[in-house]
Protein backbone atom coordinates (compact mmCIF):
# COMPACT_ATOMS: atom_id res chain seq x y z
CA UNK A 1 -10.06 38.12 21.87
CA UNK A 2 -6.90 37.69 20.27
CA UNK A 3 -6.23 34.51 19.19
CA UNK A 4 -3.51 32.35 20.18
CA UNK A 5 -1.12 31.11 17.54
CA UNK A 6 -0.24 28.32 15.91
CA UNK A 7 3.10 28.64 15.52
CA UNK A 8 4.68 25.50 13.78
CA UNK A 9 8.63 26.44 14.37
CA UNK A 10 9.04 25.25 17.94
CA UNK A 11 6.71 22.16 17.17
CA UNK A 12 8.73 20.68 13.85
CA UNK A 13 11.86 21.62 16.51
CA UNK A 14 10.43 18.81 19.20
CA UNK A 15 9.92 16.55 16.05
CA UNK A 16 13.46 16.84 14.91
CA UNK A 17 14.98 16.51 18.24
CA UNK A 18 13.02 13.04 18.16
CA UNK A 19 13.93 12.32 14.73
CA UNK A 20 17.72 12.77 15.32
CA UNK A 21 17.69 10.51 18.50
CA UNK A 22 16.16 7.71 16.07
CA UNK A 23 18.70 8.34 13.19
CA UNK A 24 21.37 7.91 15.68
CA UNK A 25 20.18 4.77 16.56
CA UNK A 26 20.16 3.59 12.82
CA UNK A 27 23.27 4.71 12.27
CA UNK A 28 24.99 2.92 15.52
CA UNK A 29 22.63 -0.41 13.84
CA UNK A 30 24.77 0.14 10.22
CA UNK A 31 21.73 1.88 8.19
CA UNK A 32 22.08 5.63 7.69
CA UNK A 33 18.87 7.09 6.62
CA UNK A 34 18.66 7.89 2.86
CA UNK A 35 16.53 10.30 1.00
CA UNK A 36 16.63 10.94 -2.61
CA UNK A 37 15.62 14.34 -3.94
CA UNK A 38 14.77 14.69 -7.94
CA UNK A 39 14.35 17.99 -8.90
CA UNK A 40 13.54 19.09 -12.58
CA UNK A 41 14.40 22.67 -14.36
CA UNK A 42 15.00 25.79 -12.86
CA UNK A 43 12.35 27.11 -11.11
CA UNK A 44 13.10 28.77 -8.20
CA UNK A 45 10.15 27.80 -4.95
CA UNK A 46 11.05 24.51 -6.29
CA UNK A 47 15.11 24.83 -5.92
CA UNK A 48 14.73 26.72 -2.76
CA UNK A 49 11.81 23.83 -1.17
CA UNK A 50 14.38 20.68 -2.13
CA UNK A 51 17.57 23.21 -0.27
CA UNK A 52 15.32 23.62 2.83
CA UNK A 53 15.01 19.84 3.06
CA UNK A 54 18.41 18.92 2.42
CA UNK A 55 19.41 21.01 5.08
CA UNK A 56 16.99 19.61 7.49
CA UNK A 57 17.94 16.28 6.68
CA UNK A 58 21.58 17.15 7.61
CA UNK A 59 20.84 18.05 10.60
CA UNK A 60 19.34 15.02 11.83
CA UNK A 61 21.06 12.97 9.57
CA UNK A 62 19.71 11.65 7.16
CA UNK A 63 21.58 11.31 4.17
CA UNK A 64 20.39 13.16 1.16
CA UNK A 65 20.76 11.79 -2.65
CA UNK A 66 20.30 14.70 -5.07
CA UNK A 67 19.02 14.65 -8.85
CA UNK A 68 18.81 17.72 -10.34
CA UNK A 69 17.66 17.21 -14.09
CA UNK A 70 17.40 19.63 -16.38
CA UNK A 71 13.86 21.77 -17.70
CA UNK A 72 13.87 19.80 -21.15
CA UNK A 73 14.19 16.08 -19.35
CA UNK A 74 11.89 13.46 -20.77
CA UNK A 75 9.28 11.28 -18.95
CA UNK A 76 11.64 8.68 -19.57
CA UNK A 77 14.50 10.56 -18.09
CA UNK A 78 12.48 11.29 -15.08
CA UNK A 79 11.35 7.37 -14.89
CA UNK A 80 14.88 6.22 -14.92
CA UNK A 81 15.95 8.19 -11.83
CA UNK A 82 12.66 6.96 -9.95
CA UNK A 83 14.24 2.80 -10.45
CA UNK A 84 17.29 3.40 -10.11
CA UNK A 85 16.33 5.25 -6.17
CA UNK A 86 14.07 2.54 -5.97
CA UNK A 87 16.58 -0.54 -6.61
CA UNK A 88 19.51 1.51 -4.45
CA UNK A 89 19.04 -0.06 -0.73
CA UNK A 90 20.96 3.12 0.51
CA UNK A 91 17.61 5.57 -0.75
CA UNK A 92 14.99 4.78 1.90
CA UNK A 93 12.27 7.11 0.47
CA UNK A 94 12.00 9.48 -2.34
CA UNK A 95 10.67 12.95 -2.96
CA UNK A 96 9.87 13.80 -6.68
CA UNK A 97 9.20 17.80 -6.34
CA UNK A 98 6.16 19.46 -8.22
CA UNK A 99 5.74 20.51 -10.39
CA UNK A 100 7.08 19.09 -13.33
CA UNK A 101 7.51 20.52 -16.82
CA UNK A 102 4.82 20.66 -19.72
CA UNK A 103 4.23 17.75 -20.91
CA UNK A 104 5.04 15.34 -18.10
CA UNK A 105 2.70 12.76 -16.91
CA UNK A 106 3.19 13.61 -12.76
CA UNK A 107 0.46 10.85 -12.03
CA UNK A 108 2.73 8.71 -13.34
CA UNK A 109 5.75 9.72 -12.11
CA UNK A 110 4.50 9.35 -8.56
CA UNK A 111 3.10 5.97 -8.76
CA UNK A 112 6.58 5.03 -10.48
CA UNK A 113 7.64 5.07 -7.41
CA UNK A 114 7.91 2.33 -4.77
CA UNK A 115 5.13 2.43 -2.17
CA UNK A 116 7.31 1.99 1.02
CA UNK A 117 9.62 4.62 -0.51
CA UNK A 118 6.87 6.77 -0.85
CA UNK A 119 7.78 9.60 1.33
CA UNK A 120 4.56 12.79 0.47
CA UNK A 121 2.38 9.27 1.53
CA UNK A 122 0.36 10.01 -1.44
CA UNK A 123 1.00 6.93 -3.74
CA UNK A 124 -2.47 5.37 -4.17
CA UNK A 125 -0.93 2.14 -1.99
CA UNK A 126 -0.61 4.89 0.84
CA UNK A 127 -4.02 6.71 0.29
CA UNK A 128 -5.42 3.51 0.77
CA UNK A 129 -3.85 2.24 3.67
CA UNK A 130 -5.35 5.82 5.28
CA UNK A 131 -8.96 5.30 3.92
CA UNK A 132 -8.51 1.77 6.03
CA UNK A 133 -7.14 2.77 9.07
CA UNK A 134 -4.04 1.16 8.42
CA UNK A 135 -0.03 1.95 9.25
CA UNK A 136 1.82 3.63 6.31
CA UNK A 137 3.12 6.72 5.88
CA UNK A 138 0.56 9.69 6.45
CA UNK A 139 0.70 12.63 3.43
CA UNK A 140 2.79 15.33 4.91
CA UNK A 141 0.72 18.53 5.36
CA UNK A 142 -2.43 16.69 6.96
CA UNK A 143 -0.18 14.66 9.31
CA UNK A 144 1.33 18.06 10.13
CA UNK A 145 -1.76 19.90 10.47
CA UNK A 146 -3.17 17.61 13.35
CA UNK A 147 0.12 17.83 15.46
CA UNK A 148 0.07 21.18 15.39
CA UNK A 149 -3.75 21.27 16.41
CA UNK A 150 -2.66 18.96 19.41
CA UNK A 151 0.28 20.36 20.77
CA UNK A 152 -2.14 23.82 21.52
CA UNK A 153 -4.78 21.73 22.94
CA UNK A 154 -6.95 22.79 20.23
CA UNK A 155 -10.19 20.73 20.72
CA UNK A 156 -10.98 18.19 17.82
CA UNK A 157 -12.77 14.55 18.80
CA UNK A 158 -16.09 15.10 18.32
CA UNK A 159 -15.72 18.87 17.13
CA UNK A 160 -16.92 20.22 13.40
CA UNK A 161 -14.15 20.88 11.09
CA UNK A 162 -14.30 22.25 7.82
CA UNK A 163 -12.02 21.74 5.22
CA UNK A 164 -11.80 24.11 2.11
CA UNK A 165 -10.33 22.83 -0.68
CA UNK A 166 -10.71 19.38 -1.75
CA UNK A 167 -7.07 18.85 -3.66
CA UNK A 168 -5.01 15.74 -3.44
CA UNK A 169 -2.24 16.75 -1.14
CA UNK A 170 -3.93 18.63 1.83
CA UNK A 171 -7.72 18.36 1.71
CA UNK A 172 -8.84 14.70 0.42
CA UNK A 173 -6.15 12.82 2.25
CA UNK A 174 -6.78 15.54 5.85
CA UNK A 175 -10.41 14.90 5.65
CA UNK A 176 -10.13 11.24 5.93
CA UNK A 177 -7.32 11.09 8.41
CA UNK A 178 -9.43 13.79 10.80
CA UNK A 179 -12.56 11.20 10.33
CA UNK A 180 -10.50 8.36 11.88
CA UNK A 181 -11.07 7.07 15.40
CA UNK A 182 -7.53 7.99 16.59
CA UNK A 183 -6.36 10.27 18.90
CA UNK A 184 -6.42 13.92 17.88
CA UNK A 185 -8.80 13.04 15.46
CA UNK A 186 -12.43 11.62 15.36
CA UNK A 187 -14.48 14.60 14.46
CA UNK A 188 -17.28 15.57 12.39
CA UNK A 189 -15.62 16.56 8.72
CA UNK A 190 -17.29 18.85 6.42
CA UNK A 191 -15.34 19.31 3.16
CA UNK A 192 -16.44 22.53 0.98
CA UNK A 193 -14.92 24.19 -2.34
CA UNK A 194 -15.43 25.93 -5.70
CA UNK A 195 -18.28 23.70 -6.21
CA UNK A 196 -20.71 25.07 -3.59
CA UNK A 197 -22.31 28.28 -4.00
CA UNK A 198 -21.75 30.19 -0.34
CA UNK A 199 -19.62 28.37 1.36
CA UNK A 200 -19.95 30.99 4.49
CA UNK A 201 -22.65 29.57 6.70
CA UNK A 202 -21.18 26.04 6.73
CA UNK A 203 -17.65 27.67 7.77
CA UNK A 204 -19.11 29.59 10.04
CA UNK A 205 -20.70 26.54 11.95
CA UNK A 206 -17.11 24.69 12.04
CA UNK A 207 -15.17 24.91 15.48
CA UNK A 208 -12.24 24.17 13.78
CA UNK A 209 -11.46 25.72 10.32
CA UNK A 210 -8.67 24.49 8.20
CA UNK A 211 -8.08 27.09 4.50
CA UNK A 212 -6.56 24.87 1.75
CA UNK A 213 -7.81 26.75 -1.49
CA UNK A 214 -4.78 28.70 -2.46
CA UNK A 215 -6.54 32.20 -2.60
CA UNK A 216 -5.76 35.10 -0.42
CA UNK A 217 -8.06 35.72 2.44
CA UNK A 218 -10.79 33.77 1.76
CA UNK A 219 -11.51 33.06 5.41
CA UNK A 220 -12.36 36.57 6.71
CA UNK A 221 -13.34 37.16 10.25
CA UNK A 222 -17.35 37.54 9.38
CA UNK A 223 -17.19 33.51 8.71
CA UNK A 224 -15.72 32.96 11.77
CA UNK A 225 -17.26 31.13 15.01
CA UNK A 226 -16.05 32.93 17.81
CA UNK A 227 -13.39 30.99 19.86
CA UNK A 228 -13.01 28.46 16.56
CA UNK A 229 -9.65 27.46 15.77
CA UNK A 230 -8.09 28.73 12.47
CA UNK A 231 -5.03 27.07 9.92
CA UNK A 232 -4.11 28.21 6.94
CA UNK A 233 -3.05 25.38 4.61
CA UNK A 234 -2.53 27.46 1.46
CA UNK A 235 -0.57 30.55 -0.02
CA UNK A 236 -0.85 32.93 -2.94
CA UNK A 237 1.92 35.12 -4.15
CA UNK A 238 0.18 38.36 -5.13
CA UNK A 239 3.78 40.52 -6.51
CA UNK A 240 6.50 39.01 -3.94
CA UNK A 241 4.68 39.11 -0.79
CA UNK A 242 3.13 35.53 0.34
CA UNK A 243 -0.06 35.87 1.11
CA UNK A 244 -2.57 33.47 3.78
CA UNK A 245 -5.44 32.13 2.82
CA UNK A 246 -6.65 33.21 6.16
CA UNK A 247 -7.16 37.13 6.41
CA UNK A 248 -5.68 39.13 9.35
CA UNK A 249 -8.29 40.55 10.75
CA UNK A 250 -9.38 36.44 11.70
CA UNK A 251 -7.31 36.89 14.62
CA UNK A 252 -9.35 38.99 16.25
CA UNK A 253 -12.45 36.65 16.64
CA UNK A 254 -10.78 33.04 16.49
CA UNK A 255 -9.21 31.41 19.70
CA UNK A 256 -6.41 29.74 17.47
CA UNK A 257 -4.79 31.11 14.26
CA UNK A 258 -1.69 30.24 12.49
CA UNK A 259 0.73 32.86 11.50
CA UNK A 260 1.22 33.54 7.93
CA UNK A 261 4.40 32.56 7.65
CA UNK A 262 5.86 29.70 9.99
CA UNK A 263 2.39 27.72 10.86
CA UNK A 264 1.92 25.03 8.66
CA UNK A 265 5.06 25.15 6.56
CA UNK A 266 7.47 23.12 9.44
CA UNK A 267 4.95 20.60 10.34
CA UNK A 268 4.97 19.44 6.75
CA UNK A 269 8.93 19.53 6.25
CA UNK A 270 9.05 17.64 9.78
CA UNK A 271 6.49 15.11 8.57
CA UNK A 272 8.31 14.51 5.47
CA UNK A 273 11.72 13.92 7.70
CA UNK A 274 9.39 11.36 10.24
CA UNK A 275 8.54 9.73 6.89
CA UNK A 276 11.89 9.14 5.66
CA UNK A 277 13.11 7.89 9.18
CA UNK A 278 10.22 5.62 9.55
CA UNK A 279 11.04 4.25 5.84
CA UNK A 280 14.56 3.76 7.05
CA UNK A 281 13.24 1.77 9.95
CA UNK A 282 10.93 -0.37 7.85
CA UNK A 283 13.52 -1.41 5.46
CA UNK A 284 14.95 -5.12 5.20
């Protein structure tokens, strides 16, 4: 069996075309969507990520407000920028790029962002909406994974999904989202992590596997039920090479699998843009 690739690039491109139309309608109404980005320090990966966001914003008609603070910026310095963005009616959503320098309380910084301007969908208020199944900005990577599976007609409703990893950005919110009674979700969800002694038998029972552990090759071919769908949402750098949580040989067993590059990443960025446009649409 050779797995069908769950390529995120064409899906993200389709979503961005729709968002460009929505942004154009907002512009015509005199409200240009605005995303405020905050980058602290000179981490190369973080800077590249923010630059990609700014470029993609320009592509669909979202204006970027960029703030780059030095490595020695204090908690007060960062919060002052957030307060300014919170008060600016032209900034409809805010992205604080992580990680922040040592000594800065990331949780307090993220909670400083007004919930309606939370482009990552990870503010406690928005996570609470997710728990209740109420409308609100969804966490970007989980929402992107759901969209990716739906686009390629991967059966999810009523199926067993196993998520490897319980992090706040992917594992936990994805488990909540997939368990909701909504289109392309409504699944039986299991979450495994480093506290589980032997994850292999649990993973092998899954119809859909999402690996978000950040451990290269944690999902091997012998852990995958033939015909399952496998999503690699975690990555690790080994030297200068970026490796997926999903081993290459999994493609010989699974029916669907994400590529090492271009799977979940483009979907995460597309969902962030969707949240940015949605925030502008909801702004008073």
